[in-house]
Amino acid sequence: MSLIFYLSSKTGPGGPEWQAVVFHLVAYALLATWYWLGLRGTKIPPRYLAVVVVILAMVYGISDEMHQSFTPGRMADPMDVLVDTVGAAGAAALLYLVTCRSDLRDLGT
């Protein structure tokens, strides 16, 4: 989250649009993964945990865009929040599938 905040504070021209999209996807997939790892020991069932981590990442994405709107030369972009959410949802779905598969495997032993 600190790295995302720091990079949102930078002014000046960014790279090509596709690089920004890839950065958002990867950064928020990692953020969702870290949320998942931090919350996996709780009593939240995996399907709800997936929803929780996506919501947490999306809320952080919204706050990041609000922060970015105060940075000279930058503006808030709702499409960035959408890309952030897609990255987080992709990671959450993958983590959910991996968790469910290992849970099923444990039932068979």
Protein backbone atom coordinates (compact mmCIF):
# COMPACT_ATOMS: atom_id res chain seq x y z
CA MET A 1 0.00 0.00 0.00
CA SER A 2 2.92 2.33 0.72
CA LEU A 3 4.37 1.74 -2.74
CA ILE A 4 1.02 2.42 -4.40
CA PHE A 5 0.62 5.60 -2.32
CA TYR A 6 4.15 6.73 -3.17
CA LEU A 7 3.72 6.17 -6.90
CA SER A 8 0.37 7.98 -6.84
CA SER A 9 2.17 10.99 -5.39
CA LYS A 10 4.51 11.29 -8.38
CA THR A 11 3.86 14.02 -10.90
CA GLY A 12 4.89 14.11 -14.51
CA PRO A 13 4.15 12.03 -17.56
CA GLY A 14 3.65 8.34 -17.05
CA GLY A 15 4.44 5.57 -19.46
CA PRO A 16 2.16 4.11 -22.09
CA GLU A 17 -1.42 3.36 -21.03
CA TRP A 18 -0.91 -0.42 -21.26
CA GLN A 19 1.92 -0.18 -18.70
CA ALA A 20 -0.38 1.62 -16.28
CA VAL A 21 -3.05 -1.06 -16.75
CA VAL A 22 -0.53 -3.86 -16.14
CA PHE A 23 0.81 -2.08 -13.06
CA HIS A 24 -2.70 -1.65 -11.64
CA LEU A 25 -3.60 -5.29 -12.29
CA VAL A 26 -0.42 -6.64 -10.71
CA ALA A 27 -0.34 -4.21 -7.77
CA TYR A 28 -3.93 -4.89 -6.75
CA ALA A 29 -3.62 -8.63 -7.32
CA LEU A 30 -0.68 -8.55 -4.89
CA LEU A 31 -2.63 -6.37 -2.47
CA ALA A 32 -5.55 -8.83 -2.52
CA THR A 33 -3.10 -11.71 -1.99
CA TRP A 34 -1.60 -10.00 1.05
CA TYR A 35 -5.08 -9.28 2.42
CA TRP A 36 -5.92 -12.97 1.89
CA LEU A 37 -2.78 -14.14 3.66
CA GLY A 38 -3.45 -11.78 6.53
CA LEU A 39 -7.06 -12.89 6.96
CA ARG A 40 -6.85 -16.60 6.16
CA GLY A 41 -6.44 -17.60 9.80
CA THR A 42 -9.77 -16.03 10.72
CA LYS A 43 -13.07 -17.89 10.79
CA ILE A 44 -14.20 -16.28 7.52
CA PRO A 45 -15.12 -19.04 5.02
CA PRO A 46 -13.03 -18.90 1.81
CA ARG A 47 -15.93 -17.79 -0.43
CA TYR A 48 -16.61 -14.83 1.85
CA LEU A 49 -12.92 -14.17 2.29
CA ALA A 50 -12.63 -13.77 -1.48
CA VAL A 51 -15.37 -11.13 -1.42
CA VAL A 52 -13.83 -9.37 1.58
CA VAL A 53 -10.38 -9.06 0.01
CA VAL A 54 -11.84 -7.73 -3.25
CA ILE A 55 -13.86 -5.13 -1.34
CA LEU A 56 -10.84 -4.11 0.73
CA ALA A 57 -8.69 -3.72 -2.40
CA MET A 58 -11.44 -1.80 -4.18
CA VAL A 59 -11.86 0.58 -1.23
CA TYR A 60 -8.11 1.17 -1.18
CA GLY A 61 -8.22 1.78 -4.95
CA ILE A 62 -10.93 4.40 -4.46
CA SER A 63 -8.94 6.09 -1.70
CA ASP A 64 -5.84 6.00 -3.91
CA GLU A 65 -7.71 7.73 -6.73
CA MET A 66 -8.96 10.36 -4.27
CA HIS A 67 -5.37 10.89 -3.11
CA GLN A 68 -4.18 11.09 -6.70
CA SER A 69 -6.74 13.84 -7.45
CA PHE A 70 -4.77 16.13 -5.12
CA THR A 71 -1.46 15.45 -6.89
CA PRO A 72 -0.50 18.14 -9.42
CA GLY A 73 -0.64 16.81 -12.96
CA ARG A 74 -2.71 13.77 -11.95
CA MET A 75 -6.42 13.11 -11.84
CA ALA A 76 -8.75 10.50 -10.42
CA ASP A 77 -9.87 7.96 -13.00
CA PRO A 78 -12.78 5.60 -12.28
CA MET A 79 -11.38 3.19 -14.88
CA ASP A 80 -8.31 2.75 -12.67
CA VAL A 81 -10.59 1.60 -9.84
CA LEU A 82 -12.22 -0.86 -12.24
CA VAL A 83 -8.83 -2.25 -13.30
CA ASP A 84 -7.75 -2.41 -9.64
CA THR A 85 -10.88 -4.38 -8.78
CA VAL A 86 -10.36 -6.76 -11.70
CA GLY A 87 -6.79 -7.46 -10.57
CA ALA A 88 -7.94 -8.07 -7.00
CA ALA A 89 -10.83 -10.27 -8.14
CA GLY A 90 -8.54 -12.36 -10.32
CA ALA A 91 -6.19 -13.00 -7.43
CA ALA A 92 -9.06 -13.71 -5.02
CA ALA A 93 -10.62 -16.19 -7.46
CA LEU A 94 -7.32 -17.99 -7.92
CA LEU A 95 -6.69 -18.11 -4.17
CA TYR A 96 -10.23 -19.38 -3.58
CA LEU A 97 -9.78 -22.16 -6.14
CA VAL A 98 -6.44 -23.18 -4.68
CA THR A 99 -7.88 -23.18 -1.16
CA CYS A 100 -10.94 -25.21 -2.14
CA ARG A 101 -8.85 -27.72 -4.04
CA SER A 102 -6.54 -28.26 -1.07
CA ASP A 103 -9.57 -28.53 1.26
CA LEU A 104 -11.06 -31.23 -0.98
CA ARG A 105 -7.75 -33.04 -1.08
CA ASP A 106 -7.62 -32.97 2.75
CA LEU A 107 -11.09 -34.53 2.94
CA GLY A 108 -9.93 -37.50 0.90
CA THR A 109 -7.14 -38.42 3.33
